[in-house]
Amino acid sequence: MHELIISGIAFGLFITCPRMAGMMHIINKHSNSSVLRTVITGTIISIPLLLIMVGFFNLFGIWGAAIFCVLTDFTAAFIMKEISINAAIETFIIALFVVLGVKVAPIISNLIIG
């Protein structure tokens, strides 16, 4: 039980990131949905998706998991148009920055390390 609490806290801290804050800001700005209800509903929906992502990681490595994540990001952008076209575009831009970050991060780290 002790390991579950520690790993759960660590995971919760890890997924609490600027990207999630950005998405919550977009949802909050473009909808009348309660932030708490959105977070709870989204968390429940994300559980099977996280398990699928882990399966992709186990089968196909980091690129398999990354492709799955990109697909979920673009799906989020597509469905956000039901709230607002601006919300969809902002979500799409966040997804693009994630893809760009995956591509640019190794280049920048190689420049820094040499």
N, C-alpha and C. Protein backbone atom coordinates (compact mmCIF):
# COMPACT_ATOMS: atom_id res chain seq x y z
N MET A 1 0.83 -1.20 0.00
CA MET A 1 0.00 0.00 0.00
C MET A 1 0.87 1.26 0.00
N HIS A 2 1.99 1.21 0.74
CA HIS A 2 2.91 2.33 0.82
C HIS A 2 3.45 2.67 -0.58
N GLU A 3 3.84 1.66 -1.35
CA GLU A 3 4.34 1.89 -2.71
C GLU A 3 3.26 2.48 -3.60
N LEU A 4 2.02 2.03 -3.45
CA LEU A 4 0.92 2.56 -4.25
C LEU A 4 0.72 4.05 -3.97
N ILE A 5 0.76 4.43 -2.72
CA ILE A 5 0.58 5.84 -2.37
C ILE A 5 1.72 6.68 -2.95
N ILE A 6 2.95 6.23 -2.76
CA ILE A 6 4.10 6.98 -3.27
C ILE A 6 4.07 7.06 -4.80
N SER A 7 3.82 5.92 -5.47
CA SER A 7 3.79 5.95 -6.94
C SER A 7 2.60 6.76 -7.44
N GLY A 8 1.47 6.71 -6.74
CA GLY A 8 0.31 7.51 -7.13
C GLY A 8 0.58 9.00 -6.99
N ILE A 9 1.22 9.39 -5.90
CA ILE A 9 1.58 10.81 -5.71
C ILE A 9 2.55 11.25 -6.81
N ALA A 10 3.57 10.42 -7.07
CA ALA A 10 4.55 10.75 -8.11
C ALA A 10 3.88 10.91 -9.47
N PHE A 11 2.98 9.98 -9.80
CA PHE A 11 2.29 10.06 -11.09
C PHE A 11 1.41 11.31 -11.15
N GLY A 12 0.69 11.58 -10.07
CA GLY A 12 -0.15 12.77 -10.03
C GLY A 12 0.65 14.05 -10.21
N LEU A 13 1.83 14.11 -9.59
CA LEU A 13 2.69 15.28 -9.75
C LEU A 13 3.24 15.37 -11.17
N PHE A 14 3.53 14.22 -11.77
CA PHE A 14 4.08 14.22 -13.12
C PHE A 14 3.07 14.70 -14.15
N ILE A 15 1.81 14.26 -14.03
CA ILE A 15 0.83 14.67 -15.04
C ILE A 15 0.30 16.08 -14.80
N THR A 16 0.63 16.66 -13.65
CA THR A 16 0.27 18.05 -13.40
C THR A 16 1.36 18.91 -14.04
N CYS A 17 1.14 19.25 -15.28
CA CYS A 17 2.16 19.93 -16.06
C CYS A 17 1.56 21.14 -16.77
N PRO A 18 2.41 21.99 -17.33
CA PRO A 18 1.90 23.18 -18.02
C PRO A 18 0.94 22.84 -19.16
N ARG A 19 1.15 21.72 -19.83
CA ARG A 19 0.26 21.32 -20.92
C ARG A 19 -1.16 21.10 -20.38
N MET A 20 -1.27 20.42 -19.24
CA MET A 20 -2.59 20.19 -18.66
C MET A 20 -3.20 21.51 -18.21
N ALA A 21 -2.39 22.40 -17.65
CA ALA A 21 -2.91 23.70 -17.25
C ALA A 21 -3.42 24.47 -18.47
N GLY A 22 -2.69 24.39 -19.56
CA GLY A 22 -3.11 25.06 -20.79
C GLY A 22 -4.43 24.52 -21.29
N MET A 23 -4.58 23.19 -21.27
CA MET A 23 -5.83 22.59 -21.73
C MET A 23 -6.98 22.99 -20.81
N MET A 24 -6.76 22.97 -19.51
CA MET A 24 -7.83 23.37 -18.58
C MET A 24 -8.21 24.83 -18.79
N HIS A 25 -7.21 25.67 -19.08
CA HIS A 25 -7.49 27.09 -19.35
C HIS A 25 -8.38 27.23 -20.58
N ILE A 26 -8.04 26.48 -21.65
CA ILE A 26 -8.85 26.55 -22.88
C ILE A 26 -10.27 26.07 -22.61
N ILE A 27 -10.40 24.94 -21.93
CA ILE A 27 -11.74 24.41 -21.64
C ILE A 27 -12.52 25.39 -20.79
N ASN A 28 -11.88 25.94 -19.76
CA ASN A 28 -12.53 26.89 -18.87
C ASN A 28 -12.95 28.16 -19.61
N LYS A 29 -12.09 28.63 -20.51
CA LYS A 29 -12.35 29.87 -21.24
C LYS A 29 -13.50 29.72 -22.24
N HIS A 30 -13.64 28.55 -22.84
CA HIS A 30 -14.59 28.37 -23.93
C HIS A 30 -15.84 27.58 -23.55
N SER A 31 -15.98 27.21 -22.29
CA SER A 31 -17.18 26.45 -21.91
C SER A 31 -17.69 26.91 -20.56
N ASN A 32 -18.85 26.43 -20.22
CA ASN A 32 -19.44 26.71 -18.91
C ASN A 32 -19.29 25.50 -17.99
N SER A 33 -18.44 24.55 -18.38
CA SER A 33 -18.26 23.33 -17.60
C SER A 33 -17.49 23.63 -16.32
N SER A 34 -17.87 22.95 -15.27
CA SER A 34 -17.15 23.03 -14.01
C SER A 34 -15.76 22.42 -14.18
N VAL A 35 -14.73 23.12 -13.72
CA VAL A 35 -13.37 22.60 -13.82
C VAL A 35 -13.27 21.27 -13.08
N LEU A 36 -13.82 21.20 -11.88
CA LEU A 36 -13.74 19.97 -11.10
C LEU A 36 -14.43 18.81 -11.82
N ARG A 37 -15.62 19.04 -12.33
CA ARG A 37 -16.33 17.97 -13.04
C ARG A 37 -15.60 17.56 -14.32
N THR A 38 -15.02 18.53 -15.01
CA THR A 38 -14.24 18.22 -16.22
C THR A 38 -13.03 17.37 -15.87
N VAL A 39 -12.33 17.73 -14.80
CA VAL A 39 -11.14 16.97 -14.40
C VAL A 39 -11.53 15.55 -13.99
N ILE A 40 -12.58 15.40 -13.22
CA ILE A 40 -13.01 14.07 -12.78
C ILE A 40 -13.45 13.22 -13.97
N THR A 41 -14.27 13.79 -14.86
CA THR A 41 -14.73 13.05 -16.03
C THR A 41 -13.55 12.69 -16.94
N GLY A 42 -12.67 13.65 -17.18
CA GLY A 42 -11.50 13.40 -18.02
C GLY A 42 -10.58 12.35 -17.43
N THR A 43 -10.43 12.35 -16.12
CA THR A 43 -9.59 11.35 -15.46
C THR A 43 -10.16 9.95 -15.66
N ILE A 44 -11.46 9.83 -15.50
CA ILE A 44 -12.11 8.52 -15.70
C ILE A 44 -11.94 8.05 -17.15
N ILE A 45 -12.14 8.96 -18.10
CA ILE A 45 -11.98 8.61 -19.51
C ILE A 45 -10.53 8.27 -19.83
N SER A 46 -9.58 8.93 -19.16
CA SER A 46 -8.16 8.71 -19.49
C SER A 46 -7.60 7.39 -18.98
N ILE A 47 -8.25 6.76 -18.00
CA ILE A 47 -7.70 5.52 -17.44
C ILE A 47 -7.50 4.44 -18.51
N PRO A 48 -8.52 4.09 -19.29
CA PRO A 48 -8.26 3.07 -20.32
C PRO A 48 -7.28 3.56 -21.39
N LEU A 49 -7.30 4.86 -21.70
CA LEU A 49 -6.37 5.39 -22.69
C LEU A 49 -4.92 5.28 -22.20
N LEU A 50 -4.70 5.54 -20.93
CA LEU A 50 -3.36 5.38 -20.37
C LEU A 50 -2.90 3.93 -20.43
N LEU A 51 -3.81 3.00 -20.15
CA LEU A 51 -3.46 1.59 -20.23
C LEU A 51 -3.14 1.17 -21.67
N ILE A 52 -3.90 1.69 -22.62
CA ILE A 52 -3.61 1.42 -24.04
C ILE A 52 -2.24 2.00 -24.41
N MET A 53 -1.95 3.21 -23.94
CA MET A 53 -0.66 3.83 -24.23
C MET A 53 0.49 2.98 -23.68
N VAL A 54 0.33 2.45 -22.46
CA VAL A 54 1.35 1.58 -21.88
C VAL A 54 1.52 0.33 -22.75
N GLY A 55 0.41 -0.21 -23.23
CA GLY A 55 0.48 -1.36 -24.13
C GLY A 55 1.24 -1.03 -25.41
N PHE A 56 0.96 0.13 -26.00
CA PHE A 56 1.69 0.56 -27.19
C PHE A 56 3.18 0.71 -26.87
N PHE A 57 3.49 1.27 -25.70
CA PHE A 57 4.89 1.44 -25.30
C PHE A 57 5.57 0.07 -25.19
N ASN A 58 4.89 -0.88 -24.57
CA ASN A 58 5.46 -2.23 -24.42
C ASN A 58 5.66 -2.92 -25.76
N LEU A 59 4.72 -2.73 -26.68
CA LEU A 59 4.80 -3.40 -27.99
C LEU A 59 5.71 -2.69 -28.98
N PHE A 60 5.64 -1.36 -29.02
CA PHE A 60 6.30 -0.61 -30.08
C PHE A 60 7.34 0.39 -29.59
N GLY A 61 7.56 0.47 -28.28
CA GLY A 61 8.54 1.40 -27.75
C GLY A 61 8.00 2.82 -27.66
N ILE A 62 8.92 3.73 -27.44
CA ILE A 62 8.55 5.13 -27.21
C ILE A 62 7.83 5.74 -28.42
N TRP A 63 8.23 5.34 -29.63
CA TRP A 63 7.59 5.93 -30.82
C TRP A 63 6.15 5.45 -30.96
N GLY A 64 5.88 4.22 -30.59
CA GLY A 64 4.50 3.73 -30.62
C GLY A 64 3.62 4.49 -29.65
N ALA A 65 4.15 4.71 -28.44
CA ALA A 65 3.40 5.48 -27.44
C ALA A 65 3.23 6.92 -27.90
N ALA A 66 4.29 7.49 -28.49
CA ALA A 66 4.22 8.88 -28.95
C ALA A 66 3.18 9.03 -30.06
N ILE A 67 3.13 8.08 -30.98
CA ILE A 67 2.14 8.14 -32.07
C ILE A 67 0.73 8.06 -31.48
N PHE A 68 0.53 7.17 -30.51
CA PHE A 68 -0.77 7.06 -29.86
C PHE A 68 -1.14 8.40 -29.21
N CYS A 69 -0.19 9.01 -28.52
CA CYS A 69 -0.46 10.29 -27.84
C CYS A 69 -0.77 11.40 -28.83
N VAL A 70 -0.06 11.43 -29.94
CA VAL A 70 -0.34 12.44 -30.96
C VAL A 70 -1.76 12.26 -31.49
N LEU A 71 -2.15 11.01 -31.71
CA LEU A 71 -3.52 10.74 -32.19
C LEU A 71 -4.56 11.20 -31.18
N THR A 72 -4.30 10.97 -29.89
CA THR A 72 -5.27 11.42 -28.88
C THR A 72 -5.31 12.95 -28.81
N ASP A 73 -4.15 13.60 -28.98
CA ASP A 73 -4.12 15.08 -28.98
C ASP A 73 -4.94 15.64 -30.14
N PHE A 74 -4.73 15.09 -31.33
CA PHE A 74 -5.47 15.59 -32.49
C PHE A 74 -6.96 15.25 -32.39
N THR A 75 -7.28 14.12 -31.78
CA THR A 75 -8.69 13.80 -31.54
C THR A 75 -9.31 14.81 -30.58
N ALA A 76 -8.55 15.18 -29.54
CA ALA A 76 -9.04 16.20 -28.61
C ALA A 76 -9.31 17.51 -29.34
N ALA A 77 -8.40 17.90 -30.21
CA ALA A 77 -8.60 19.14 -30.98
C ALA A 77 -9.86 19.04 -31.84
N PHE A 78 -10.06 17.87 -32.47
CA PHE A 78 -11.22 17.68 -33.33
C PHE A 78 -12.53 17.79 -32.55
N ILE A 79 -12.59 17.16 -31.37
CA ILE A 79 -13.85 17.20 -30.62
C ILE A 79 -14.06 18.53 -29.90
N MET A 80 -12.98 19.29 -29.66
CA MET A 80 -13.14 20.59 -29.00
C MET A 80 -13.92 21.58 -29.88
N LYS A 81 -13.98 21.31 -31.19
CA LYS A 81 -14.75 22.21 -32.06
C LYS A 81 -16.23 22.23 -31.69
N GLU A 82 -16.68 21.19 -30.97
CA GLU A 82 -18.07 21.17 -30.51
C GLU A 82 -18.32 22.23 -29.45
N ILE A 83 -17.27 22.65 -28.75
CA ILE A 83 -17.39 23.72 -27.76
C ILE A 83 -17.18 25.06 -28.46
N SER A 84 -16.08 25.13 -29.25
CA SER A 84 -15.73 26.39 -29.90
C SER A 84 -14.65 26.10 -30.94
N ILE A 85 -14.74 26.76 -32.09
CA ILE A 85 -13.70 26.59 -33.10
C ILE A 85 -12.37 27.14 -32.57
N ASN A 86 -12.44 28.22 -31.78
CA ASN A 86 -11.20 28.75 -31.18
C ASN A 86 -10.58 27.73 -30.24
N ALA A 87 -11.41 27.05 -29.46
CA ALA A 87 -10.90 26.03 -28.55
C ALA A 87 -10.24 24.90 -29.34
N ALA A 88 -10.84 24.53 -30.46
CA ALA A 88 -10.26 23.47 -31.30
C ALA A 88 -8.91 23.90 -31.86
N ILE A 89 -8.84 25.13 -32.35
CA ILE A 89 -7.57 25.62 -32.92
C ILE A 89 -6.50 25.72 -31.84
N GLU A 90 -6.86 26.23 -30.67
CA GLU A 90 -5.88 26.33 -29.58
C GLU A 90 -5.41 24.94 -29.15
N THR A 91 -6.31 23.98 -29.07
CA THR A 91 -5.94 22.61 -28.71
C THR A 91 -5.02 22.01 -29.77
N PHE A 92 -5.33 22.26 -31.04
CA PHE A 92 -4.50 21.77 -32.14
C PHE A 92 -3.09 22.36 -32.05
N ILE A 93 -2.99 23.64 -31.74
CA ILE A 93 -1.68 24.29 -31.63
C ILE A 93 -0.88 23.68 -30.48
N ILE A 94 -1.53 23.42 -29.36
CA ILE A 94 -0.83 22.76 -28.25
C ILE A 94 -0.33 21.39 -28.69
N ALA A 95 -1.15 20.64 -29.42
CA ALA A 95 -0.73 19.33 -29.92
C ALA A 95 0.46 19.45 -30.86
N LEU A 96 0.46 20.47 -31.71
CA LEU A 96 1.59 20.67 -32.61
C LEU A 96 2.87 20.98 -31.85
N PHE A 97 2.76 21.77 -30.79
CA PHE A 97 3.94 22.08 -29.98
C PHE A 97 4.50 20.84 -29.30
N VAL A 98 3.63 19.92 -28.91
CA VAL A 98 4.10 18.66 -28.32
C VAL A 98 4.89 17.87 -29.35
N VAL A 99 4.35 17.75 -30.56
CA VAL A 99 5.05 17.04 -31.64
C VAL A 99 6.37 17.73 -31.95
N LEU A 100 6.32 19.04 -32.06
CA LEU A 100 7.53 19.82 -32.33
C LEU A 100 8.56 19.62 -31.22
N GLY A 101 8.10 19.62 -29.98
CA GLY A 101 9.00 19.42 -28.84
C GLY A 101 9.70 18.08 -28.89
N VAL A 102 8.99 17.03 -29.29
CA VAL A 102 9.59 15.70 -29.40
C VAL A 102 10.69 15.71 -30.46
N LYS A 103 10.49 16.44 -31.54
CA LYS A 103 11.47 16.50 -32.61
C LYS A 103 12.64 17.42 -32.27
N VAL A 104 12.37 18.55 -31.64
CA VAL A 104 13.39 19.57 -31.40
C VAL A 104 14.22 19.27 -30.15
N ALA A 105 13.63 18.64 -29.15
CA ALA A 105 14.34 18.38 -27.89
C ALA A 105 15.67 17.66 -28.08
N PRO A 106 15.73 16.57 -28.88
CA PRO A 106 17.03 15.91 -29.06
C PRO A 106 18.07 16.80 -29.75
N ILE A 107 17.62 17.61 -30.68
CA ILE A 107 18.54 18.52 -31.39
C ILE A 107 19.13 19.52 -30.40
N ILE A 108 18.27 20.13 -29.60
CA ILE A 108 18.74 21.13 -28.64
C ILE A 108 19.63 20.49 -27.59
N SER A 109 19.25 19.31 -27.10
CA SER A 109 20.08 18.66 -26.07
C SER A 109 21.45 18.29 -26.64
N ASN A 110 21.50 17.88 -27.91
CA ASN A 110 22.80 17.59 -28.55
C ASN A 110 23.64 18.86 -28.69
N LEU A 111 23.01 19.98 -28.97
CA LEU A 111 23.74 21.24 -29.05
C LEU A 111 24.31 21.65 -27.69
N ILE A 112 23.54 21.42 -26.65
CA ILE A 112 23.97 21.79 -25.30
C ILE A 112 25.10 20.86 -24.82
N ILE A 113 24.93 19.57 -25.03
CA ILE A 113 25.91 18.61 -24.54
C ILE A 113 27.13 18.57 -25.45
N GLY A 114 26.92 18.76 -26.70
CA GLY A 114 28.05 18.84 -27.64
C GLY A 114 28.08 17.69 -28.52
